[in-house]
PDB file of N, CA and C in Angstrom:
ATOM      1  N   MET A   1      -9.820  -1.492   8.750  1.00  0.00           N
ATOM      2  CA  MET A   1      -9.599  -1.929   7.357  1.00  0.00           C
ATOM      3  C   MET A   1     -10.146  -3.540   6.992  1.00  0.00           C
ATOM      4  N   VAL A   2     -10.070  -3.877   7.748  1.00  0.00           N
ATOM      5  CA  VAL A   2      -9.701  -5.568   7.713  1.00  0.00           C
ATOM      6  C   VAL A   2     -11.787  -5.995   7.631  1.00  0.00           C
ATOM      7  N   LEU A   3     -11.441  -5.355   9.403  1.00  0.00           N
ATOM      8  CA  LEU A   3     -13.074  -5.683   9.888  1.00  0.00           C
ATOM      9  C   LEU A   3     -13.888  -4.922   8.661  1.00  0.00           C
ATOM     10  N   GLN A   4     -13.596  -3.637   7.917  1.00  0.00           N
ATOM     11  CA  GLN A   4     -14.620  -2.863   7.558  1.00  0.00           C
ATOM     12  C   GLN A   4     -14.495  -4.122   5.797  1.00  0.00           C
ATOM     13  N   ASN A   5     -13.507  -4.885   5.408  1.00  0.00           N
ATOM     14  CA  ASN A   5     -13.851  -5.419   4.206  1.00  0.00           C
ATOM     15  C   ASN A   5     -14.316  -6.507   4.755  1.00  0.00           C
ATOM     16  N   VAL A   6     -14.660  -7.110   5.676  1.00  0.00           N
ATOM     17  CA  VAL A   6     -14.766  -8.045   6.592  1.00  0.00           C
ATOM     18  C   VAL A   6     -16.684  -7.824   6.314  1.00  0.00           C
ATOM     19  N   ALA A   7     -17.038  -6.690   6.897  1.00  0.00           N
ATOM     20  CA  ALA A   7     -18.128  -6.445   7.107  1.00  0.00           C
ATOM     21  C   ALA A   7     -19.056  -6.244   5.563  1.00  0.00           C
ATOM     22  N   THR A   8     -18.301  -5.419   4.672  1.00  0.00           N
ATOM     23  CA  THR A   8     -18.542  -5.423   3.175  1.00  0.00           C
ATOM     24  C   THR A   8     -19.206  -6.823   2.742  1.00  0.00           C
ATOM     25  N   ILE A   9     -17.906  -8.386   2.726  1.00  0.00           N
ATOM     26  CA  ILE A   9     -17.952  -8.975   2.123  1.00  0.00           C
ATOM     27  C   ILE A   9     -19.950  -9.836   2.987  1.00  0.00           C
ATOM     28  N   LEU A  10     -19.690  -9.872   3.947  1.00  0.00           N
ATOM     29  CA  LEU A  10     -20.968 -10.135   4.849  1.00  0.00           C
ATOM     30  C   LEU A  10     -22.448  -9.496   4.552  1.00  0.00           C
ATOM     31  N   VAL A  11     -21.819  -8.318   4.391  1.00  0.00           N
ATOM     32  CA  VAL A  11     -22.981  -8.152   3.502  1.00  0.00           C
ATOM     33  C   VAL A  11     -23.106  -8.135   2.066  1.00  0.00           C
ATOM     34  N   ALA A  12     -22.613  -8.462   0.609  1.00  0.00           N
ATOM     35  CA  ALA A  12     -22.631  -8.867  -0.076  1.00  0.00           C
ATOM     36  C   ALA A  12     -23.022 -10.189  -0.443  1.00  0.00           C
ATOM     37  N   PHE A  13     -22.732 -10.859   0.881  1.00  0.00           N
ATOM     38  CA  PHE A  13     -22.986 -12.474   0.693  1.00  0.00           C
ATOM     39  C   PHE A  13     -24.321 -12.550   1.361  1.00  0.00           C
ATOM     40  N   ALA A  14     -25.251 -11.877   2.191  1.00  0.00           N
ATOM     41  CA  ALA A  14     -26.456 -11.972   2.956  1.00  0.00           C
ATOM     42  C   ALA A  14     -26.874 -11.522   1.765  1.00  0.00           C
ATOM     43  N   ILE A  15     -26.906 -10.242   0.719  1.00  0.00           N
ATOM     44  CA  ILE A  15     -27.978  -9.638  -0.349  1.00  0.00           C
ATOM     45  C   ILE A  15     -27.766 -10.716  -1.920  1.00  0.00           C
ATOM     46  N   LEU A  16     -26.400 -11.440  -1.984  1.00  0.00           N
ATOM     47  CA  LEU A  16     -26.204 -12.164  -3.254  1.00  0.00           C
ATOM     48  C   LEU A  16     -26.297 -13.363  -3.231  1.00  0.00           C
ATOM     49  N   LEU A  17     -26.406 -13.772  -2.181  1.00  0.00           N
ATOM     50  CA  LEU A  17     -26.173 -15.663  -1.733  1.00  0.00           C
ATOM     51  C   LEU A  17     -27.466 -15.671  -1.321  1.00  0.00           C
ATOM     52  N   PRO A  18     -28.905 -15.835  -1.568  1.00  0.00           N
ATOM     53  CA  PRO A  18     -30.244 -16.235  -0.676  1.00  0.00           C
ATOM     54  C   PRO A  18     -30.168 -17.581  -0.316  1.00  0.00           C
ATOM     55  N   ILE A  19     -30.177 -17.737   0.772  1.00  0.00           N
ATOM     56  CA  ILE A  19     -29.949 -19.059   1.234  1.00  0.00           C
ATOM     57  C   ILE A  19     -30.614 -20.237   1.122  1.00  0.00           C
ATOM     58  N   SER A  20     -31.390 -21.274   0.830  1.00  0.00           N
ATOM     59  CA  SER A  20     -32.577 -22.042   1.174  1.00  0.00           C
ATOM     60  C   SER A  20     -32.532 -23.184   1.480  1.00  0.00           C
ATOM     61  N   GLY A  21     -33.336 -23.589   2.252  1.00  0.00           N
ATOM     62  CA  GLY A  21     -33.405 -24.981   3.266  1.00  0.00           C
ATOM     63  C   GLY A  21     -32.186 -25.647   3.151  1.00  0.00           C
ATOM     64  N   GLN A  22     -32.464 -25.883   1.528  1.00  0.00           N
ATOM     65  CA  GLN A  22     -31.259 -27.211   1.208  1.00  0.00           C
ATOM     66  C   GLN A  22     -29.810 -27.237   1.241  1.00  0.00           C
ATOM     67  N   ALA A  23     -29.118 -25.895   1.408  1.00  0.00           N
ATOM     68  CA  ALA A  23     -28.606 -25.077   1.145  1.00  0.00           C
ATOM     69  C   ALA A  23     -27.242 -25.899   2.395  1.00  0.00           C
ATOM     70  N   ARG A  24     -26.592 -26.456   2.079  1.00  0.00           N
ATOM     71  CA  ARG A  24     -25.326 -26.364   3.614  1.00  0.00           C
ATOM     72  C   ARG A  24     -24.470 -25.744   3.440  1.00  0.00           C
ATOM     73  N   ALA A  25     -23.618 -25.476   4.945  1.00  0.00           N
ATOM     74  CA  ALA A  25     -22.413 -24.533   4.980  1.00  0.00           C
ATOM     75  C   ALA A  25     -21.605 -25.272   3.788  1.00  0.00           C
ATOM     76  N   GLN A  26     -21.697 -26.503   4.052  1.00  0.00           N
ATOM     77  CA  GLN A  26     -20.103 -27.049   3.137  1.00  0.00           C
ATOM     78  C   GLN A  26     -20.213 -27.287   1.867  1.00  0.00           C
ATOM     79  N   ASP A  27     -21.571 -26.784   1.316  1.00  0.00           N
ATOM     80  CA  ASP A  27     -21.811 -27.222  -0.186  1.00  0.00           C
ATOM     81  C   ASP A  27     -21.325 -25.355  -0.454  1.00  0.00           C
ATOM     82  N   ILE A  28     -21.386 -25.008   0.308  1.00  0.00           N
ATOM     83  CA  ILE A  28     -21.535 -23.627  -0.504  1.00  0.00           C
ATOM     84  C   ILE A  28     -20.446 -22.340   0.369  1.00  0.00           C
ATOM     85  N   PRO A  29     -19.058 -21.925  -0.571  1.00  0.00           N
ATOM     86  CA  PRO A  29     -18.290 -21.664   0.562  1.00  0.00           C
ATOM     87  C   PRO A  29     -19.134 -20.101   1.273  1.00  0.00           C
ATOM     88  N   GLY A  30     -18.984 -19.624   2.621  1.00  0.00           N
ATOM     89  CA  GLY A  30     -19.548 -17.764   2.108  1.00  0.00           C
ATOM     90  C   GLY A  30     -20.335 -18.207   4.014  1.00  0.00           C
ATOM     91  N   ILE A  31     -20.744 -17.452   3.716  1.00  0.00           N
ATOM     92  CA  ILE A  31     -21.354 -17.482   5.381  1.00  0.00           C
ATOM     93  C   ILE A  31     -23.416 -17.607   4.691  1.00  0.00           C
ATOM     94  N   GLU A  32     -24.025 -18.144   5.766  1.00  0.00           N
ATOM     95  CA  GLU A  32     -24.729 -19.076   5.714  1.00  0.00           C
ATOM     96  C   GLU A  32     -25.821 -18.081   6.516  1.00  0.00           C
ATOM     97  N   ILE A  33     -26.959 -18.585   6.597  1.00  0.00           N
ATOM     98  CA  ILE A  33     -28.221 -17.946   7.388  1.00  0.00           C
ATOM     99  C   ILE A  33     -28.798 -19.591   8.686  1.00  0.00           C
ATOM    100  N   CYS A  34     -27.667 -19.204   9.596  1.00  0.00           N
ATOM    101  CA  CYS A  34     -28.129 -20.255  10.502  1.00  0.00           C
ATOM    102  C   CYS A  34     -28.761 -20.402  11.763  1.00  0.00           C
ATOM    103  N   THR A  35     -29.978 -19.856  11.405  1.00  0.00           N
ATOM    104  CA  THR A  35     -31.389 -18.868  12.011  1.00  0.00           C
ATOM    105  C   THR A  35     -31.906 -20.156  11.176  1.00  0.00           C
ATOM    106  N   VAL A  36     -32.152 -20.605  10.364  1.00  0.00           N
ATOM    107  CA  VAL A  36     -32.947 -21.548   9.521  1.00  0.00           C
ATOM    108  C   VAL A  36     -32.760 -23.271  10.226  1.00  0.00           C
ATOM    109  N   GLU A  37     -31.612 -23.373  10.228  1.00  0.00           N
ATOM    110  CA  GLU A  37     -31.356 -24.500  11.450  1.00  0.00           C
ATOM    111  C   GLU A  37     -32.435 -25.176  12.354  1.00  0.00           C
ATOM    112  N   LYS A  38     -33.366 -26.544  12.496  1.00  0.00           N
ATOM    113  CA  LYS A  38     -33.548 -26.324  13.518  1.00  0.00           C
ATOM    114  C   LYS A  38     -32.791 -27.079  14.606  1.00  0.00           C
ATOM    115  N   SER A  39     -32.163 -27.954  14.358  1.00  0.00           N
ATOM    116  CA  SER A  39     -31.335 -28.568  15.348  1.00  0.00           C
ATOM    117  C   SER A  39     -30.012 -27.918  16.085  1.00  0.00           C
ATOM    118  N   MET A  40     -30.069 -27.936  16.897  1.00  0.00           N
ATOM    119  CA  MET A  40     -28.970 -27.298  17.558  1.00  0.00           C
ATOM    120  C   MET A  40     -27.521 -27.662  17.403  1.00  0.00           C
ATOM    121  N   GLU A  41     -27.174 -28.762  16.853  1.00  0.00           N
ATOM    122  CA  GLU A  41     -25.982 -29.585  15.846  1.00  0.00           C
ATOM    123  C   GLU A  41     -26.075 -28.870  14.115  1.00  0.00           C
ATOM    124  N   ARG A  42     -27.195 -28.563  13.561  1.00  0.00           N
ATOM    125  CA  ARG A  42     -26.323 -28.217  12.417  1.00  0.00           C
ATOM    126  C   ARG A  42     -27.012 -26.430  12.600  1.00  0.00           C
ATOM    127  N   ARG A  43     -27.120 -25.926  13.690  1.00  0.00           N
ATOM    128  CA  ARG A  43     -27.239 -24.615  13.553  1.00  0.00           C
ATOM    129  C   ARG A  43     -25.512 -24.524  14.166  1.00  0.00           C
ATOM    130  N   THR A  44     -25.403 -24.666  15.145  1.00  0.00           N
ATOM    131  CA  THR A  44     -23.839 -25.059  15.396  1.00  0.00           C
ATOM    132  C   THR A  44     -22.612 -25.092  14.307  1.00  0.00           C
ATOM    133  N   SER A  45     -22.790 -26.662  13.499  1.00  0.00           N
ATOM    134  CA  SER A  45     -22.181 -26.602  12.537  1.00  0.00           C
ATOM    135  C   SER A  45     -22.075 -25.280  11.914  1.00  0.00           C
ATOM    136  N   CYS A  46     -23.383 -25.487  11.136  1.00  0.00           N
ATOM    137  CA  CYS A  46     -23.211 -24.023  10.432  1.00  0.00           C
ATOM    138  C   CYS A  46     -22.559 -22.659  10.688  1.00  0.00           C
ATOM    139  N   LEU A  47     -22.712 -22.288  12.062  1.00  0.00           N
ATOM    140  CA  LEU A  47     -22.075 -20.984  12.540  1.00  0.00           C
ATOM    141  C   LEU A  47     -20.623 -21.275  13.075  1.00  0.00           C
ATOM    142  N   GLN A  48     -19.929 -23.145  13.138  1.00  0.00           N
ATOM    143  CA  GLN A  48     -18.692 -22.863  12.481  1.00  0.00           C
ATOM    144  C   GLN A  48     -18.025 -22.228  11.355  1.00  0.00           C
ATOM    145  N   SER A  49     -19.349 -23.099  10.656  1.00  0.00           N
ATOM    146  CA  SER A  49     -18.474 -22.865   9.035  1.00  0.00           C
ATOM    147  C   SER A  49     -19.013 -21.968   8.791  1.00  0.00           C
ATOM    148  N   ASN A  50     -19.522 -20.563   9.306  1.00  0.00           N
ATOM    149  CA  ASN A  50     -19.385 -18.919   8.629  1.00  0.00           C
ATOM    150  C   ASN A  50     -17.993 -18.591   9.481  1.00  0.00           C
ATOM    151  N   ILE A  51     -17.343 -19.132  10.829  1.00  0.00           N
ATOM    152  CA  ILE A  51     -16.561 -18.530  11.642  1.00  0.00           C
ATOM    153  C   ILE A  51     -15.321 -19.252  10.754  1.00  0.00           C
ATOM    154  N   ASP A  52     -15.362 -20.157  10.113  1.00  0.00           N
ATOM    155  CA  ASP A  52     -13.995 -20.939   9.425  1.00  0.00           C
ATOM    156  C   ASP A  52     -13.837 -20.163   8.339  1.00  0.00           C
ATOM    157  N   PHE A  53     -15.114 -19.822   7.350  1.00  0.00           N
ATOM    158  CA  PHE A  53     -14.770 -18.612   6.620  1.00  0.00           C
ATOM    159  C   PHE A  53     -14.355 -17.421   6.518  1.00  0.00           C
ATOM    160  N   LEU A  54     -14.754 -16.943   7.683  1.00  0.00           N
ATOM    161  CA  LEU A  54     -14.262 -15.629   8.211  1.00  0.00           C
ATOM    162  C   LEU A  54     -13.119 -15.249   8.351  1.00  0.00           C
ATOM    163  N   GLN A  55     -12.854 -16.849   9.477  1.00  0.00           N
ATOM    164  CA  GLN A  55     -11.544 -16.815   9.372  1.00  0.00           C
ATOM    165  C   GLN A  55     -10.157 -16.700   8.219  1.00  0.00           C
ATOM    166  N   LYS A  56     -11.031 -17.573   7.115  1.00  0.00           N
ATOM    167  CA  LYS A  56      -9.748 -17.545   6.484  1.00  0.00           C
ATOM    168  C   LYS A  56     -10.204 -16.349   5.545  1.00  0.00           C
ATOM    169  N   THR A  57     -11.492 -15.654   5.517  1.00  0.00           N
ATOM    170  CA  THR A  57     -10.852 -14.414   4.733  1.00  0.00           C
ATOM    171  C   THR A  57      -9.929 -13.342   5.091  1.00  0.00           C
ATOM    172  N   MET A  58      -9.962 -13.333   6.306  1.00  0.00           N
ATOM    173  CA  MET A  58      -9.329 -12.157   7.062  1.00  0.00           C
ATOM    174  C   MET A  58      -7.446 -12.699   7.083  1.00  0.00           C
ATOM    175  N   THR A  59      -7.980 -13.851   6.888  1.00  0.00           N
ATOM    176  CA  THR A  59      -6.182 -14.088   6.649  1.00  0.00           C
ATOM    177  C   THR A  59      -5.728 -13.929   5.278  1.00  0.00           C
ATOM    178  N   LYS A  60      -6.463 -14.154   4.450  1.00  0.00           N
ATOM    179  CA  LYS A  60      -6.211 -13.418   2.901  1.00  0.00           C
ATOM    180  C   LYS A  60      -6.048 -12.880   2.532  1.00  0.00           C
ATOM    181  N   LEU A  61      -7.478 -11.897   3.018  1.00  0.00           N
ATOM    182  CA  LEU A  61      -6.841 -10.175   3.431  1.00  0.00           C
ATOM    183  C   LEU A  61      -6.235  -9.783   4.012  1.00  0.00           C
ATOM    184  N   SER A  62      -5.740  -9.933   5.131  1.00  0.00           N
ATOM    185  CA  SER A  62      -4.886  -9.731   5.399  1.00  0.00           C
ATOM    186  C   SER A  62      -3.067  -9.899   4.630  1.00  0.00           C
ATOM    187  N   ALA A  63      -3.032 -10.964   4.849  1.00  0.00           N
ATOM    188  CA  ALA A  63      -1.844 -11.364   3.962  1.00  0.00           C
ATOM    189  C   ALA A  63      -2.462 -10.511   2.255  1.00  0.00           C
ATOM    190  N   ASP A  64      -2.944 -10.551   1.675  1.00  0.00           N
ATOM    191  CA  ASP A  64      -2.654  -9.304   0.589  1.00  0.00           C
ATOM    192  C   ASP A  64      -2.699  -7.839   1.193  1.00  0.00           C
ATOM    193  N   HIS A  65      -2.725  -7.365   1.729  1.00  0.00           N
ATOM    194  CA  HIS A  65      -2.850  -6.146   2.621  1.00  0.00           C
ATOM    195  C   HIS A  65      -1.839  -5.492   3.405  1.00  0.00           C
ATOM    196  N   GLN A  66      -0.854  -6.798   3.642  1.00  0.00           N
ATOM    197  CA  GLN A  66       0.438  -7.073   3.979  1.00  0.00           C
ATOM    198  C   GLN A  66       1.592  -6.891   2.682  1.00  0.00           C
ATOM    199  N   GLN A  67       1.408  -7.720   1.861  1.00  0.00           N
ATOM    200  CA  GLN A  67       2.167  -7.845   0.412  1.00  0.00           C
ATOM    201  C   GLN A  67       2.054  -6.207  -0.277  1.00  0.00           C
ATOM    202  N   LYS A  68       0.946  -5.657  -0.087  1.00  0.00           N
ATOM    203  CA  LYS A  68       1.270  -4.497  -0.622  1.00  0.00           C
ATOM    204  C   LYS A  68       1.540  -3.477   0.430  1.00  0.00           C
ATOM    205  N   LEU A  69       1.849  -3.370   1.604  1.00  0.00           N
ATOM    206  CA  LEU A  69       2.335  -2.853   2.529  1.00  0.00           C
ATOM    207  C   LEU A  69       3.825  -3.283   1.994  1.00  0.00           C
ATOM    208  N   ASP A  70       3.992  -4.167   2.162  1.00  0.00           N
ATOM    209  CA  ASP A  70       5.429  -4.480   1.641  1.00  0.00           C
ATOM    210  C   ASP A  70       6.068  -3.940   0.249  1.00  0.00           C
ATOM    211  N   ALA A  71       4.915  -3.943  -0.676  1.00  0.00           N
ATOM    212  CA  ALA A  71       5.776  -3.206  -2.068  1.00  0.00           C
ATOM    213  C   ALA A  71       5.753  -2.289  -1.554  1.00  0.00           C
ATOM    214  N   ALA A  72       4.581  -0.613  -1.103  1.00  0.00           N
ATOM    215  CA  ALA A  72       4.520   0.646  -0.878  1.00  0.00           C
ATOM    216  C   ALA A  72       6.107   0.519  -0.608  1.00  0.00           C
ATOM    217  N   ASN A  73       6.618  -0.189   0.740  1.00  0.00           N
ATOM    218  CA  ASN A  73       7.946   0.274   1.441  1.00  0.00           C
ATOM    219  C   ASN A  73       9.046   0.536   0.562  1.00  0.00           C
ATOM    220  N   ARG A  74       8.735  -1.195  -0.687  1.00  0.00           N
ATOM    221  CA  ARG A  74       9.800  -1.268  -1.191  1.00  0.00           C
ATOM    222  C   ARG A  74      10.144   0.108  -2.192  1.00  0.00           C
ATOM    223  N   GLN A  75       9.218   0.305  -2.313  1.00  0.00           N
ATOM    224  CA  GLN A  75       8.971   1.503  -3.225  1.00  0.00           C
ATOM    225  C   GLN A  75       9.450   2.572  -3.259  1.00  0.00           C
ATOM    226  N   ILE A  76       8.876   3.468  -1.086  1.00  0.00           N
ATOM    227  CA  ILE A  76       9.567   4.593  -0.967  1.00  0.00           C
ATOM    228  C   ILE A  76      10.937   4.587  -0.708  1.00  0.00           C
ATOM    229  N   GLU A  77      11.672   2.828  -0.361  1.00  0.00           N
ATOM    230  CA  GLU A  77      12.761   2.886  -0.047  1.00  0.00           C
ATOM    231  C   GLU A  77      13.349   2.928  -1.428  1.00  0.00           C
ATOM    232  N   GLY A  78      13.828   3.095  -2.349  1.00  0.00           N
ATOM    233  CA  GLY A  78      14.037   3.363  -3.791  1.00  0.00           C
ATOM    234  C   GLY A  78      13.286   4.203  -4.047  1.00  0.00           C
ATOM    235  N   LEU A  79      12.588   5.596  -4.106  1.00  0.00           N
ATOM    236  CA  LEU A  79      12.275   6.440  -4.405  1.00  0.00           C
ATOM    237  C   LEU A  79      13.509   7.658  -2.761  1.00  0.00           C
ATOM    238  N   LYS A  80      13.620   7.238  -2.014  1.00  0.00           N
ATOM    239  CA  LYS A  80      14.912   7.889  -1.137  1.00  0.00           C
ATOM    240  C   LYS A  80      16.141   7.811  -1.785  1.00  0.00           C
ATOM    241  N   ALA A  81      16.259   6.638  -2.506  1.00  0.00           N
ATOM    242  CA  ALA A  81      17.657   6.602  -2.707  1.00  0.00           C
ATOM    243  C   ALA A  81      17.347   6.920  -3.676  1.00  0.00           C
ATOM    244  N   THR A  82      16.361   7.867  -4.322  1.00  0.00           N
ATOM    245  CA  THR A  82      16.448   8.209  -5.957  1.00  0.00           C
ATOM    246  C   THR A  82      16.505  10.257  -5.432  1.00  0.00           C
ATOM    247  N   VAL A  83      15.985   9.741  -4.677  1.00  0.00           N
ATOM    248  CA  VAL A  83      15.995  11.443  -4.289  1.00  0.00           C
ATOM    249  C   VAL A  83      17.358  12.167  -3.398  1.00  0.00           C
ATOM    250  N   ALA A  84      18.349  11.025  -2.770  1.00  0.00           N
ATOM    251  CA  ALA A  84      18.940  11.766  -2.491  1.00  0.00           C
ATOM    252  C   ALA A  84      20.108  11.945  -3.824  1.00  0.00           C
ATOM    253  N   GLY A  85      20.447  10.707  -4.689  1.00  0.00           N
ATOM    254  CA  GLY A  85      21.213  10.929  -5.807  1.00  0.00           C
ATOM    255  C   GLY A  85      20.632  12.135  -6.275  1.00  0.00           C
ATOM    256  N   LEU A  86      19.283  12.189  -6.099  1.00  0.00           N
ATOM    257  CA  LEU A  86      19.234  13.854  -7.211  1.00  0.00           C
ATOM    258  C   LEU A  86      19.462  14.658  -6.360  1.00  0.00           C
ATOM    259  N   GLN A  87      19.066  15.281  -5.046  1.00  0.00           N
ATOM    260  CA  GLN A  87      20.162  15.927  -4.502  1.00  0.00           C
ATOM    261  C   GLN A  87      21.608  16.197  -4.601  1.00  0.00           C
ATOM    262  N   LYS A  88      22.660  14.489  -5.093  1.00  0.00           N
ATOM    263  CA  LYS A  88      23.541  15.382  -4.516  1.00  0.00           C
ATOM    264  C   LYS A  88      23.988  15.788  -6.095  1.00  0.00           C
ATOM    265  N   VAL A  89      22.871  15.200  -7.404  1.00  0.00           N
ATOM    266  CA  VAL A  89      23.586  15.945  -8.520  1.00  0.00           C
ATOM    267  C   VAL A  89      23.173  17.527  -8.447  1.00  0.00           C
ATOM    268  N   VAL A  90      21.995  17.768  -8.128  1.00  0.00           N
ATOM    269  CA  VAL A  90      22.200  19.706  -7.301  1.00  0.00           C
ATOM    270  C   VAL A  90      22.978  19.925  -6.917  1.00  0.00           C
ATOM    271  N   ALA A  91      23.210  19.825  -6.088  1.00  0.00           N
ATOM    272  CA  ALA A  91      24.905  19.786  -5.164  1.00  0.00           C
ATOM    273  C   ALA A  91      25.819  20.220  -5.862  1.00  0.00           C
ATOM    274  N   ASP A  92      26.038  19.440  -6.944  1.00  0.00           N
ATOM    275  CA  ASP A  92      27.535  19.124  -7.380  1.00  0.00           C
ATOM    276  C   ASP A  92      27.171  20.054  -8.525  1.00  0.00           C
ATOM    277  N   LEU A  93      26.083  20.110  -9.209  1.00  0.00           N
ATOM    278  CA  LEU A  93      25.710  21.322 -10.273  1.00  0.00           C
ATOM    279  C   LEU A  93      25.866  22.921  -9.837  1.00  0.00           C
ATOM    280  N   GLN A  94      25.253  23.302  -8.568  1.00  0.00           N
ATOM    281  CA  GLN A  94      25.208  24.268  -7.301  1.00  0.00           C
ATOM    282  C   GLN A  94      26.586  24.372  -7.219  1.00  0.00           C
ATOM    283  N   ALA A  95      27.537  23.597  -6.993  1.00  0.00           N
ATOM    284  CA  ALA A  95      28.719  24.047  -6.812  1.00  0.00           C
ATOM    285  C   ALA A  95      30.144  24.553  -8.134  1.00  0.00           C
ATOM    286  N   ALA A  96      29.224  23.441  -9.279  1.00  0.00           N
ATOM    287  CA  ALA A  96      30.147  23.793 -10.580  1.00  0.00           C
ATOM    288  C   ALA A  96      29.428  25.425 -10.816  1.00  0.00           C
ATOM    289  N   GLN A  97      28.490  25.376 -10.872  1.00  0.00           N
ATOM    290  CA  GLN A  97      27.721  27.148 -11.369  1.00  0.00           C
ATOM    291  C   GLN A  97      28.477  27.832 -10.260  1.00  0.00           C
ATOM    292  N   LYS A  98      28.693  28.131  -8.955  1.00  0.00           N
ATOM    293  CA  LYS A  98      29.288  29.182  -8.240  1.00  0.00           C
ATOM    294  C   LYS A  98      30.687  28.908  -9.206  1.00  0.00           C
ATOM    295  N   GLN A  99      31.110  27.667  -9.377  1.00  0.00           N
ATOM    296  CA  GLN A  99      32.779  27.569  -9.296  1.00  0.00           C
ATOM    297  C   GLN A  99      32.837  28.744 -10.876  1.00  0.00           C
ATOM    298  N   THR A 100      32.099  28.650 -11.996  1.00  0.00           N
ATOM    299  CA  THR A 100      31.842  29.289 -12.751  1.00  0.00           C
ATOM    300  C   THR A 100      32.067  30.861 -12.850  1.00  0.00           C
ATOM    301  N   ALA A 101      30.794  30.997 -12.186  1.00  0.00           N
ATOM    302  CA  ALA A 101      30.855  32.877 -11.921  1.00  0.00           C
ATOM    303  C   ALA A 101      32.205  32.947 -10.910  1.00  0.00           C
ATOM    304  N   ASP A 102      32.455  32.135 -10.268  1.00  0.00           N
ATOM    305  CA  ASP A 102      33.563  32.834  -9.807  1.00  0.00           C
ATOM    306  C   ASP A 102      34.898  32.973 -11.004  1.00  0.00           C
ATOM    307  N   ASP A 103      35.035  32.301 -11.133  1.00  0.00           N
ATOM    308  CA  ASP A 103      35.959  32.403 -12.512  1.00  0.00           C
ATOM    309  C   ASP A 103      35.216  33.459 -13.352  1.00  0.00           C
ATOM    310  N   LEU A 104      34.278  33.242 -14.145  1.00  0.00           N
ATOM    311  CA  LEU A 104      33.946  34.621 -14.737  1.00  0.00           C
ATOM    312  C   LEU A 104      34.350  35.960 -14.386  1.00  0.00           C
ATOM    313  N   LYS A 105      34.139  36.175 -12.765  1.00  0.00           N
ATOM    314  CA  LYS A 105      33.735  37.156 -11.729  1.00  0.00           C
ATOM    315  C   LYS A 105      36.344  37.640 -11.680  1.00  0.00           C
ATOM    316  N   LYS A 106      36.715  36.491 -11.902  1.00  0.00           N
ATOM    317  CA  LYS A 106      38.360  36.901 -11.583  1.00  0.00           C
ATOM    318  C   LYS A 106      38.336  37.370 -13.017  1.00  0.00           C
ATOM    319  N   LYS A 107      37.671  37.141 -13.819  1.00  0.00           N
ATOM    320  CA  LYS A 107      38.463  37.150 -15.867  1.00  0.00           C
ATOM    321  C   LYS A 107      37.892  38.677 -15.599  1.00  0.00           C
ATOM    322  N   ALA A 108      36.442  39.241 -15.162  1.00  0.00           N
ATOM    323  CA  ALA A 108      36.249  40.410 -15.570  1.00  0.00           C
ATOM    324  C   ALA A 108      37.016  41.291 -14.230  1.00  0.00           C
ATOM    325  N   ASP A 109      37.303  40.652 -13.601  1.00  0.00           N
ATOM    326  CA  ASP A 109      37.943  42.022 -13.193  1.00  0.00           C
ATOM    327  C   ASP A 109      40.243  41.660 -13.158  1.00  0.00           C
ATOM    328  N   ALA A 110      40.241  40.757 -14.103  1.00  0.00           N
ATOM    329  CA  ALA A 110      41.783  40.836 -13.987  1.00  0.00           C
ATOM    330  C   ALA A 110      42.213  42.361 -15.602  1.00  0.00           C
ATOM    331  N   PRO A 111      41.522  42.359 -16.027  1.00  0.00           N
ATOM    332  CA  PRO A 111      41.286  42.864 -17.545  1.00  0.00           C
ATOM    333  C   PRO A 111      41.289  44.608 -16.494  1.00  0.00           C
ATOM    334  N   LEU A 112      40.706  45.064 -15.485  1.00  0.00           N
ATOM    335  CA  LEU A 112      40.474  45.998 -14.993  1.00  0.00           C
ATOM    336  C   LEU A 112      41.563  46.409 -13.980  1.00  0.00           C
ATOM    337  N   ALA A 113      42.119  45.053 -13.791  1.00  0.00           N
ATOM    338  CA  ALA A 113      43.405  45.014 -12.969  1.00  0.00           C
ATOM    339  C   ALA A 113      44.651  45.645 -13.507  1.00  0.00           C
ATOM    340  N   LYS A 114      44.807  45.006 -14.813  1.00  0.00           N
ATOM    341  CA  LYS A 114      45.664  45.476 -15.644  1.00  0.00           C
ATOM    342  C   LYS A 114      46.455  46.588 -16.536  1.00  0.00           C
ATOM    343  N   GLU A 115      44.681  47.287 -16.604  1.00  0.00           N
ATOM    344  CA  GLU A 115      44.073  48.692 -17.015  1.00  0.00           C
ATOM    345  C   GLU A 115      44.682  49.574 -16.219  1.00  0.00           C
ATOM    346  N   GLY A 116      44.198  49.263 -14.746  1.00  0.00           N
ATOM    347  CA  GLY A 116      44.688  50.061 -13.385  1.00  0.00           C
ATOM    348  C   GLY A 116      46.376  50.481 -13.212  1.00  0.00           C
ATOM    349  N   GLY A 117      46.707  49.417 -13.776  1.00  0.00           N
ATOM    350  CA  GLY A 117      48.638  48.906 -13.634  1.00  0.00           C
ATOM    351  C   GLY A 117      49.369  49.958 -14.728  1.00  0.00           C
ATOM    352  N   LYS A 118      48.895  50.163 -15.643  1.00  0.00           N
ATOM    353  CA  LYS A 118      49.465  50.832 -16.843  1.00  0.00           C
ATOM    354  C   LYS A 118      49.576  51.913 -16.299  1.00  0.00           C
TER     355      LYS A 118
END
């Protein structure tokens, strides 16, 4: 996923930021087209600048995604606690409902027992 984002960034920079012969890697942060450089030293410097930019971008994206994962995990834990509490409430309500039904059944059976005993 991070590589996909990096690839998207590369394509976006290649399309949106046309690089002229005057622009240098140290002037504009982003991906530079290094093949336009004639000297090996400048080309190497350009490539190193691209690598530095990509590493910074990947580190930032990785940190952002890790923060999102951590937040999602905290939310999941909170939801698990909520579900456990709701399960307890449901169990208590079911027990109370069963107790009420048993009490009503006993009350209904009690008059029949008195009538049968007379």
